[in-house]
Amino acid sequence: ERLFGDYPGTWGLIRLLENAQVTPLDDGNSRYRLALKAPDGLNLTWHLRTELDAGPLALLKLRDFRLPQQIFLNEGAAEEPYAQNGSFELR
């Protein structure tokens, strides 16, 4: 039995995918070849088929994503609108 790595927890699969070399297998975004090198030097390869675009591989693109400090700028607005039940009202 060969163990490549131990990636427990909710994000374990994503941490495993970060270490893989990913190759698309067709023109679409649904089939991929994932290759890893085991500690003993043997190559481990498997195919990943997703139902929607890149599936879990899409999360890898968010690796260094950071939210901005502030999203909306309110320059002296006395009343700020907010959404409630599909309509906008003033506070």
PDB file of N, CA and C in Angstrom:
ATOM      1  N   GLU A   1       0.844  -1.180   0.000  1.00  0.00           N
ATOM      2  CA  GLU A   1       0.000   0.000   0.000  1.00  0.00           C
ATOM      3  C   GLU A   1       0.886   1.239   0.000  1.00  0.00           C
ATOM      4  N   ARG A   2       0.572   2.184  -0.897  1.00  0.00           N
ATOM      5  CA  ARG A   2       1.365   3.401  -1.020  1.00  0.00           C
ATOM      6  C   ARG A   2       0.525   4.591  -0.584  1.00  0.00           C
ATOM      7  N   LEU A   3       1.091   5.443   0.232  1.00  0.00           N
ATOM      8  CA  LEU A   3       0.404   6.642   0.687  1.00  0.00           C
ATOM      9  C   LEU A   3       1.173   7.851   0.183  1.00  0.00           C
ATOM     10  N   PHE A   4       0.516   8.677  -0.640  1.00  0.00           N
ATOM     11  CA  PHE A   4       1.185   9.877  -1.144  1.00  0.00           C
ATOM     12  C   PHE A   4       1.264  10.933  -0.063  1.00  0.00           C
ATOM     13  N   GLY A   5       0.164  11.171   0.603  1.00  0.00           N
ATOM     14  CA  GLY A   5       0.128  12.200   1.626  1.00  0.00           C
ATOM     15  C   GLY A   5      -1.143  12.081   2.439  1.00  0.00           C
ATOM     16  N   ASP A   6      -1.158  12.737   3.559  1.00  0.00           N
ATOM     17  CA  ASP A   6      -2.326  12.730   4.426  1.00  0.00           C
ATOM     18  C   ASP A   6      -2.863  14.154   4.482  1.00  0.00           C
ATOM     19  N   TYR A   7      -4.028  14.367   3.930  1.00  0.00           N
ATOM     20  CA  TYR A   7      -4.635  15.692   3.853  1.00  0.00           C
ATOM     21  C   TYR A   7      -6.018  15.641   4.504  1.00  0.00           C
ATOM     22  N   PRO A   8      -6.085  15.647   5.821  1.00  0.00           N
ATOM     23  CA  PRO A   8      -7.377  15.545   6.499  1.00  0.00           C
ATOM     24  C   PRO A   8      -8.143  16.864   6.469  1.00  0.00           C
ATOM     25  N   GLY A   9      -9.393  16.788   6.810  1.00  0.00           N
ATOM     26  CA  GLY A   9     -10.197  17.990   6.969  1.00  0.00           C
ATOM     27  C   GLY A   9     -11.004  18.346   5.739  1.00  0.00           C
ATOM     28  N   THR A  10     -11.765  19.393   5.898  1.00  0.00           N
ATOM     29  CA  THR A  10     -12.684  19.850   4.859  1.00  0.00           C
ATOM     30  C   THR A  10     -11.959  20.210   3.569  1.00  0.00           C
ATOM     31  N   TRP A  11     -10.785  20.814   3.670  1.00  0.00           N
ATOM     32  CA  TRP A  11     -10.051  21.281   2.493  1.00  0.00           C
ATOM     33  C   TRP A  11      -8.944  20.313   2.080  1.00  0.00           C
ATOM     34  N   GLY A  12      -8.980  19.083   2.577  1.00  0.00           N
ATOM     35  CA  GLY A  12      -7.940  18.107   2.266  1.00  0.00           C
ATOM     36  C   GLY A  12      -7.798  17.818   0.780  1.00  0.00           C
ATOM     37  N   LEU A  13      -8.910  17.651   0.086  1.00  0.00           N
ATOM     38  CA  LEU A  13      -8.847  17.378  -1.354  1.00  0.00           C
ATOM     39  C   LEU A  13      -8.194  18.536  -2.095  1.00  0.00           C
ATOM     40  N   ILE A  14      -8.508  19.762  -1.707  1.00  0.00           N
ATOM     41  CA  ILE A  14      -7.925  20.931  -2.371  1.00  0.00           C
ATOM     42  C   ILE A  14      -6.420  20.972  -2.138  1.00  0.00           C
ATOM     43  N   ARG A  15      -5.972  20.662  -0.926  1.00  0.00           N
ATOM     44  CA  ARG A  15      -4.527  20.645  -0.650  1.00  0.00           C
ATOM     45  C   ARG A  15      -3.827  19.555  -1.464  1.00  0.00           C
ATOM     46  N   LEU A  16      -4.492  18.429  -1.673  1.00  0.00           N
ATOM     47  CA  LEU A  16      -3.930  17.379  -2.520  1.00  0.00           C
ATOM     48  C   LEU A  16      -3.842  17.859  -3.967  1.00  0.00           C
ATOM     49  N   LEU A  17      -4.898  18.490  -4.463  1.00  0.00           N
ATOM     50  CA  LEU A  17      -4.913  18.971  -5.848  1.00  0.00           C
ATOM     51  C   LEU A  17      -3.853  20.032  -6.103  1.00  0.00           C
ATOM     52  N   GLU A  18      -3.504  20.810  -5.082  1.00  0.00           N
ATOM     53  CA  GLU A  18      -2.456  21.829  -5.236  1.00  0.00           C
ATOM     54  C   GLU A  18      -1.118  21.204  -5.605  1.00  0.00           C
ATOM     55  N   ASN A  19      -0.895  19.971  -5.199  1.00  0.00           N
ATOM     56  CA  ASN A  19       0.378  19.299  -5.467  1.00  0.00           C
ATOM     57  C   ASN A  19       0.398  18.558  -6.798  1.00  0.00           C
ATOM     58  N   ALA A  20      -0.733  18.495  -7.481  1.00  0.00           N
ATOM     59  CA  ALA A  20      -0.826  17.718  -8.718  1.00  0.00           C
ATOM     60  C   ALA A  20      -0.483  18.556  -9.937  1.00  0.00           C
ATOM     61  N   GLN A  21       0.045  17.878 -10.944  1.00  0.00           N
ATOM     62  CA  GLN A  21       0.210  18.492 -12.260  1.00  0.00           C
ATOM     63  C   GLN A  21      -1.076  18.195 -13.019  1.00  0.00           C
ATOM     64  N   VAL A  22      -1.803  19.241 -13.417  1.00  0.00           N
ATOM     65  CA  VAL A  22      -3.126  19.089 -14.019  1.00  0.00           C
ATOM     66  C   VAL A  22      -3.037  19.316 -15.518  1.00  0.00           C
ATOM     67  N   THR A  23      -3.583  18.365 -16.300  1.00  0.00           N
ATOM     68  CA  THR A  23      -3.603  18.469 -17.754  1.00  0.00           C
ATOM     69  C   THR A  23      -5.028  18.261 -18.246  1.00  0.00           C
ATOM     70  N   PRO A  24      -5.614  19.242 -18.972  1.00  0.00           N
ATOM     71  CA  PRO A  24      -6.952  19.032 -19.544  1.00  0.00           C
ATOM     72  C   PRO A  24      -6.903  17.909 -20.578  1.00  0.00           C
ATOM     73  N   LEU A  25      -7.946  17.078 -20.634  1.00  0.00           N
ATOM     74  CA  LEU A  25      -7.968  15.955 -21.565  1.00  0.00           C
ATOM     75  C   LEU A  25      -8.818  16.204 -22.804  1.00  0.00           C
ATOM     76  N   ASP A  26      -9.595  17.269 -22.815  1.00  0.00           N
ATOM     77  CA  ASP A  26     -10.407  17.567 -23.994  1.00  0.00           C
ATOM     78  C   ASP A  26     -10.567  19.076 -24.127  1.00  0.00           C
ATOM     79  N   ASP A  27     -11.332  19.498 -25.124  1.00  0.00           N
ATOM     80  CA  ASP A  27     -11.520  20.928 -25.356  1.00  0.00           C
ATOM     81  C   ASP A  27     -12.419  21.579 -24.315  1.00  0.00           C
ATOM     82  N   GLY A  28     -13.230  20.798 -23.645  1.00  0.00           N
ATOM     83  CA  GLY A  28     -14.130  21.342 -22.630  1.00  0.00           C
ATOM     84  C   GLY A  28     -13.422  21.478 -21.300  1.00  0.00           C
ATOM     85  N   ASN A  29     -14.194  21.800 -20.289  1.00  0.00           N
ATOM     86  CA  ASN A  29     -13.640  21.944 -18.946  1.00  0.00           C
ATOM     87  C   ASN A  29     -14.215  20.877 -18.032  1.00  0.00           C
ATOM     88  N   SER A  30     -14.161  19.610 -18.461  1.00  0.00           N
ATOM     89  CA  SER A  30     -14.784  18.591 -17.623  1.00  0.00           C
ATOM     90  C   SER A  30     -13.918  17.361 -17.377  1.00  0.00           C
ATOM     91  N   ARG A  31     -12.828  17.180 -18.121  1.00  0.00           N
ATOM     92  CA  ARG A  31     -11.978  15.997 -17.902  1.00  0.00           C
ATOM     93  C   ARG A  31     -10.520  16.423 -17.787  1.00  0.00           C
ATOM     94  N   TYR A  32      -9.857  15.900 -16.744  1.00  0.00           N
ATOM     95  CA  TYR A  32      -8.477  16.284 -16.460  1.00  0.00           C
ATOM     96  C   TYR A  32      -7.663  15.064 -16.064  1.00  0.00           C
ATOM     97  N   ARG A  33      -6.371  15.114 -16.366  1.00  0.00           N
ATOM     98  CA  ARG A  33      -5.421  14.115 -15.866  1.00  0.00           C
ATOM     99  C   ARG A  33      -4.639  14.789 -14.750  1.00  0.00           C
ATOM    100  N   LEU A  34      -4.575  14.118 -13.606  1.00  0.00           N
ATOM    101  CA  LEU A  34      -3.829  14.631 -12.464  1.00  0.00           C
ATOM    102  C   LEU A  34      -2.668  13.691 -12.208  1.00  0.00           C
ATOM    103  N   ALA A  35      -1.479  14.243 -12.120  1.00  0.00           N
ATOM    104  CA  ALA A  35      -0.278  13.435 -11.915  1.00  0.00           C
ATOM    105  C   ALA A  35       0.477  13.943 -10.691  1.00  0.00           C
ATOM    106  N   LEU A  36       0.911  12.993  -9.880  1.00  0.00           N
ATOM    107  CA  LEU A  36       1.706  13.281  -8.685  1.00  0.00           C
ATOM    108  C   LEU A  36       2.877  12.321  -8.656  1.00  0.00           C
ATOM    109  N   LYS A  37       3.944  12.708  -8.021  1.00  0.00           N
ATOM    110  CA  LYS A  37       5.082  11.808  -7.854  1.00  0.00           C
ATOM    111  C   LYS A  37       5.115  11.378  -6.395  1.00  0.00           C
ATOM    112  N   ALA A  38       5.041  10.077  -6.180  1.00  0.00           N
ATOM    113  CA  ALA A  38       5.055   9.518  -4.827  1.00  0.00           C
ATOM    114  C   ALA A  38       6.445   9.672  -4.218  1.00  0.00           C
ATOM    115  N   PRO A  39       6.543   9.623  -2.882  1.00  0.00           N
ATOM    116  CA  PRO A  39       7.851   9.740  -2.224  1.00  0.00           C
ATOM    117  C   PRO A  39       8.872   8.703  -2.698  1.00  0.00           C
ATOM    118  N   ASP A  40       8.387   7.537  -3.174  1.00  0.00           N
ATOM    119  CA  ASP A  40       9.320   6.517  -3.663  1.00  0.00           C
ATOM    120  C   ASP A  40       9.692   6.715  -5.131  1.00  0.00           C
ATOM    121  N   GLY A  41       9.231   7.830  -5.743  1.00  0.00           N
ATOM    122  CA  GLY A  41       9.613   8.156  -7.114  1.00  0.00           C
ATOM    123  C   GLY A  41       8.653   7.671  -8.181  1.00  0.00           C
ATOM    124  N   LEU A  42       7.686   6.846  -7.828  1.00  0.00           N
ATOM    125  CA  LEU A  42       6.732   6.360  -8.818  1.00  0.00           C
ATOM    126  C   LEU A  42       5.680   7.428  -9.109  1.00  0.00           C
ATOM    127  N   ASN A  43       5.231   7.460 -10.358  1.00  0.00           N
ATOM    128  CA  ASN A  43       4.208   8.419 -10.761  1.00  0.00           C
ATOM    129  C   ASN A  43       2.823   7.885 -10.419  1.00  0.00           C
ATOM    130  N   LEU A  44       1.998   8.742  -9.873  1.00  0.00           N
ATOM    131  CA  LEU A  44       0.607   8.422  -9.583  1.00  0.00           C
ATOM    132  C   LEU A  44      -0.243   9.283 -10.504  1.00  0.00           C
ATOM    133  N   THR A  45      -1.129   8.652 -11.262  1.00  0.00           N
ATOM    134  CA  THR A  45      -1.954   9.376 -12.222  1.00  0.00           C
ATOM    135  C   THR A  45      -3.397   8.926 -12.091  1.00  0.00           C
ATOM    136  N   TRP A  46      -4.311   9.884 -12.130  1.00  0.00           N
ATOM    137  CA  TRP A  46      -5.719   9.534 -12.194  1.00  0.00           C
ATOM    138  C   TRP A  46      -6.451  10.567 -13.016  1.00  0.00           C
ATOM    139  N   HIS A  47      -7.654  10.199 -13.470  1.00  0.00           N
ATOM    140  CA  HIS A  47      -8.473  11.085 -14.284  1.00  0.00           C
ATOM    141  C   HIS A  47      -9.602  11.632 -13.428  1.00  0.00           C
ATOM    142  N   LEU A  48      -9.849  12.921 -13.580  1.00  0.00           N
ATOM    143  CA  LEU A  48     -10.913  13.603 -12.853  1.00  0.00           C
ATOM    144  C   LEU A  48     -11.940  14.079 -13.867  1.00  0.00           C
ATOM    145  N   ARG A  49     -13.187  13.705 -13.654  1.00  0.00           N
ATOM    146  CA  ARG A  49     -14.272  14.172 -14.515  1.00  0.00           C
ATOM    147  C   ARG A  49     -15.215  15.004 -13.652  1.00  0.00           C
ATOM    148  N   THR A  50     -15.529  16.202 -14.106  1.00  0.00           N
ATOM    149  CA  THR A  50     -16.386  17.099 -13.341  1.00  0.00           C
ATOM    150  C   THR A  50     -17.713  17.290 -14.066  1.00  0.00           C
ATOM    151  N   GLU A  51     -18.723  17.683 -13.324  1.00  0.00           N
ATOM    152  CA  GLU A  51     -20.028  17.942 -13.924  1.00  0.00           C
ATOM    153  C   GLU A  51     -20.188  19.396 -14.343  1.00  0.00           C
ATOM    154  N   LEU A  52     -19.448  20.290 -13.706  1.00  0.00           N
ATOM    155  CA  LEU A  52     -19.590  21.709 -14.011  1.00  0.00           C
ATOM    156  C   LEU A  52     -18.217  22.352 -14.092  1.00  0.00           C
ATOM    157  N   ASP A  53     -17.826  22.750 -15.275  1.00  0.00           N
ATOM    158  CA  ASP A  53     -16.538  23.413 -15.504  1.00  0.00           C
ATOM    159  C   ASP A  53     -15.387  22.659 -14.844  1.00  0.00           C
ATOM    160  N   ALA A  54     -14.534  23.372 -14.132  1.00  0.00           N
ATOM    161  CA  ALA A  54     -13.333  22.759 -13.566  1.00  0.00           C
ATOM    162  C   ALA A  54     -13.582  22.091 -12.216  1.00  0.00           C
ATOM    163  N   GLY A  55     -14.786  22.167 -11.695  1.00  0.00           N
ATOM    164  CA  GLY A  55     -15.099  21.513 -10.424  1.00  0.00           C
ATOM    165  C   GLY A  55     -14.196  22.009  -9.304  1.00  0.00           C
ATOM    166  N   PRO A  56     -13.639  21.098  -8.513  1.00  0.00           N
ATOM    167  CA  PRO A  56     -12.789  21.521  -7.397  1.00  0.00           C
ATOM    168  C   PRO A  56     -11.503  22.207  -7.847  1.00  0.00           C
ATOM    169  N   LEU A  57     -11.088  21.997  -9.094  1.00  0.00           N
ATOM    170  CA  LEU A  57      -9.876  22.653  -9.594  1.00  0.00           C
ATOM    171  C   LEU A  57     -10.067  24.166  -9.692  1.00  0.00           C
ATOM    172  N   ALA A  58     -11.303  24.621  -9.834  1.00  0.00           N
ATOM    173  CA  ALA A  58     -11.567  26.063  -9.921  1.00  0.00           C
ATOM    174  C   ALA A  58     -11.158  26.772  -8.638  1.00  0.00           C
ATOM    175  N   LEU A  59     -11.229  26.087  -7.511  1.00  0.00           N
ATOM    176  CA  LEU A  59     -10.843  26.701  -6.237  1.00  0.00           C
ATOM    177  C   LEU A  59      -9.357  27.026  -6.183  1.00  0.00           C
ATOM    178  N   LEU A  60      -8.548  26.321  -6.971  1.00  0.00           N
ATOM    179  CA  LEU A  60      -7.106  26.577  -6.968  1.00  0.00           C
ATOM    180  C   LEU A  60      -6.786  27.973  -7.504  1.00  0.00           C
ATOM    181  N   LYS A  61      -7.663  28.521  -8.335  1.00  0.00           N
ATOM    182  CA  LYS A  61      -7.433  29.863  -8.883  1.00  0.00           C
ATOM    183  C   LYS A  61      -7.608  30.944  -7.823  1.00  0.00           C
ATOM    184  N   LEU A  62      -8.228  30.610  -6.712  1.00  0.00           N
ATOM    185  CA  LEU A  62      -8.454  31.581  -5.639  1.00  0.00           C
ATOM    186  C   LEU A  62      -7.330  31.584  -4.619  1.00  0.00           C
ATOM    187  N   ARG A  63      -6.241  30.912  -4.893  1.00  0.00           N
ATOM    188  CA  ARG A  63      -5.167  30.693  -3.920  1.00  0.00           C
ATOM    189  C   ARG A  63      -4.721  31.956  -3.190  1.00  0.00           C
ATOM    190  N   ASP A  64      -4.389  33.008  -3.878  1.00  0.00           N
ATOM    191  CA  ASP A  64      -3.889  34.222  -3.231  1.00  0.00           C
ATOM    192  C   ASP A  64      -4.903  35.363  -3.271  1.00  0.00           C
ATOM    193  N   PHE A  65      -6.161  35.029  -3.454  1.00  0.00           N
ATOM    194  CA  PHE A  65      -7.200  36.048  -3.521  1.00  0.00           C
ATOM    195  C   PHE A  65      -7.377  36.714  -2.161  1.00  0.00           C
ATOM    196  N   ARG A  66      -7.483  38.024  -2.172  1.00  0.00           N
ATOM    197  CA  ARG A  66      -7.722  38.800  -0.951  1.00  0.00           C
ATOM    198  C   ARG A  66      -8.861  39.781  -1.226  1.00  0.00           C
ATOM    199  N   LEU A  67      -9.798  39.850  -0.315  1.00  0.00           N
ATOM    200  CA  LEU A  67     -10.861  40.840  -0.432  1.00  0.00           C
ATOM    201  C   LEU A  67     -10.289  42.222  -0.163  1.00  0.00           C
ATOM    202  N   PRO A  68     -10.802  43.243  -0.835  1.00  0.00           N
ATOM    203  CA  PRO A  68     -10.333  44.602  -0.535  1.00  0.00           C
ATOM    204  C   PRO A  68     -10.796  45.027   0.857  1.00  0.00           C
ATOM    205  N   GLN A  69     -10.110  46.003   1.430  1.00  0.00           N
ATOM    206  CA  GLN A  69     -10.476  46.513   2.750  1.00  0.00           C
ATOM    207  C   GLN A  69     -11.893  47.060   2.756  1.00  0.00           C
ATOM    208  N   GLN A  70     -12.256  47.751   1.676  1.00  0.00           N
ATOM    209  CA  GLN A  70     -13.582  48.357   1.599  1.00  0.00           C
ATOM    210  C   GLN A  70     -14.111  48.153   0.194  1.00  0.00           C
ATOM    211  N   ILE A  71     -15.355  47.751   0.082  1.00  0.00           N
ATOM    212  CA  ILE A  71     -15.940  47.499  -1.229  1.00  0.00           C
ATOM    213  C   ILE A  71     -16.728  48.706  -1.724  1.00  0.00           C
ATOM    214  N   PHE A  72     -17.557  49.290  -0.864  1.00  0.00           N
ATOM    215  CA  PHE A  72     -18.376  50.433  -1.255  1.00  0.00           C
ATOM    216  C   PHE A  72     -17.848  51.693  -0.586  1.00  0.00           C
ATOM    217  N   LEU A  73     -17.798  52.770  -1.339  1.00  0.00           N
ATOM    218  CA  LEU A  73     -17.355  54.047  -0.801  1.00  0.00           C
ATOM    219  C   LEU A  73     -18.573  54.926  -0.561  1.00  0.00           C
ATOM    220  N   ASN A  74     -18.725  55.401   0.651  1.00  0.00           N
ATOM    221  CA  ASN A  74     -19.837  56.287   0.997  1.00  0.00           C
ATOM    222  C   ASN A  74     -19.261  57.647   1.360  1.00  0.00           C
ATOM    223  N   GLU A  75     -19.292  58.541   0.421  1.00  0.00           N
ATOM    224  CA  GLU A  75     -18.734  59.867   0.658  1.00  0.00           C
ATOM    225  C   GLU A  75     -19.834  60.815   1.112  1.00  0.00           C
ATOM    226  N   GLY A  76     -20.008  60.923   2.410  1.00  0.00           N
ATOM    227  CA  GLY A  76     -20.954  61.866   2.978  1.00  0.00           C
ATOM    228  C   GLY A  76     -22.412  61.534   2.747  1.00  0.00           C
ATOM    229  N   ALA A  77     -22.743  60.315   2.448  1.00  0.00           N
ATOM    230  CA  ALA A  77     -24.144  59.950   2.248  1.00  0.00           C
ATOM    231  C   ALA A  77     -24.844  59.894   3.595  1.00  0.00           C
ATOM    232  N   ALA A  78     -25.894  60.699   3.744  1.00  0.00           N
ATOM    233  CA  ALA A  78     -26.617  60.751   5.015  1.00  0.00           C
ATOM    234  C   ALA A  78     -27.476  59.510   5.200  1.00  0.00           C
ATOM    235  N   GLU A  79     -28.117  59.080   4.147  1.00  0.00           N
ATOM    236  CA  GLU A  79     -28.957  57.897   4.228  1.00  0.00           C
ATOM    237  C   GLU A  79     -28.461  56.882   3.215  1.00  0.00           C
ATOM    238  N   GLU A  80     -28.319  55.650   3.654  1.00  0.00           N
ATOM    239  CA  GLU A  80     -27.827  54.596   2.783  1.00  0.00           C
ATOM    240  C   GLU A  80     -28.976  53.655   2.441  1.00  0.00           C
ATOM    241  N   PRO A  81     -29.219  53.399   1.155  1.00  0.00           N
ATOM    242  CA  PRO A  81     -30.287  52.461   0.802  1.00  0.00           C
ATOM    243  C   PRO A  81     -29.868  51.025   1.118  1.00  0.00           C
ATOM    244  N   TYR A  82     -30.842  50.217   1.442  1.00  0.00           N
ATOM    245  CA  TYR A  82     -30.582  48.801   1.649  1.00  0.00           C
ATOM    246  C   TYR A  82     -31.734  48.008   1.047  1.00  0.00           C
ATOM    247  N   ALA A  83     -31.473  46.762   0.718  1.00  0.00           N
ATOM    248  CA  ALA A  83     -32.484  45.924   0.084  1.00  0.00           C
ATOM    249  C   ALA A  83     -33.296  45.196   1.143  1.00  0.00           C
ATOM    250  N   GLN A  84     -34.609  45.155   0.916  1.00  0.00           N
ATOM    251  CA  GLN A  84     -35.479  44.414   1.813  1.00  0.00           C
ATOM    252  C   GLN A  84     -36.628  43.861   0.982  1.00  0.00           C
ATOM    253  N   ASN A  85     -36.745  42.553   0.943  1.00  0.00           N
ATOM    254  CA  ASN A  85     -37.821  41.879   0.208  1.00  0.00           C
ATOM    255  C   ASN A  85     -37.880  42.303  -1.259  1.00  0.00           C
ATOM    256  N   GLY A  86     -36.738  42.454  -1.876  1.00  0.00           N
ATOM    257  CA  GLY A  86     -36.685  42.750  -3.298  1.00  0.00           C
ATOM    258  C   GLY A  86     -36.840  44.212  -3.668  1.00  0.00           C
ATOM    259  N   SER A  87     -37.030  45.105  -2.693  1.00  0.00           N
ATOM    260  CA  SER A  87     -37.118  46.530  -3.004  1.00  0.00           C
ATOM    261  C   SER A  87     -36.106  47.284  -2.151  1.00  0.00           C
ATOM    262  N   PHE A  88     -35.788  48.485  -2.567  1.00  0.00           N
ATOM    263  CA  PHE A  88     -34.824  49.292  -1.829  1.00  0.00           C
ATOM    264  C   PHE A  88     -35.552  50.293  -0.949  1.00  0.00           C
ATOM    265  N   GLU A  89     -35.063  50.446   0.252  1.00  0.00           N
ATOM    266  CA  GLU A  89     -35.631  51.418   1.185  1.00  0.00           C
ATOM    267  C   GLU A  89     -34.487  52.212   1.789  1.00  0.00           C
ATOM    268  N   LEU A  90     -34.802  53.362   2.337  1.00  0.00           N
ATOM    269  CA  LEU A  90     -33.796  54.165   3.031  1.00  0.00           C
ATOM    270  C   LEU A  90     -33.869  53.882   4.514  1.00  0.00           C
ATOM    271  N   ARG A  91     -32.703  53.862   5.139  1.00  0.00           N
ATOM    272  CA  ARG A  91     -32.661  53.647   6.589  1.00  0.00           C
ATOM    273  C   ARG A  91     -33.046  54.907   7.309  1.00  0.00           C
TER     274      ARG A  91
END
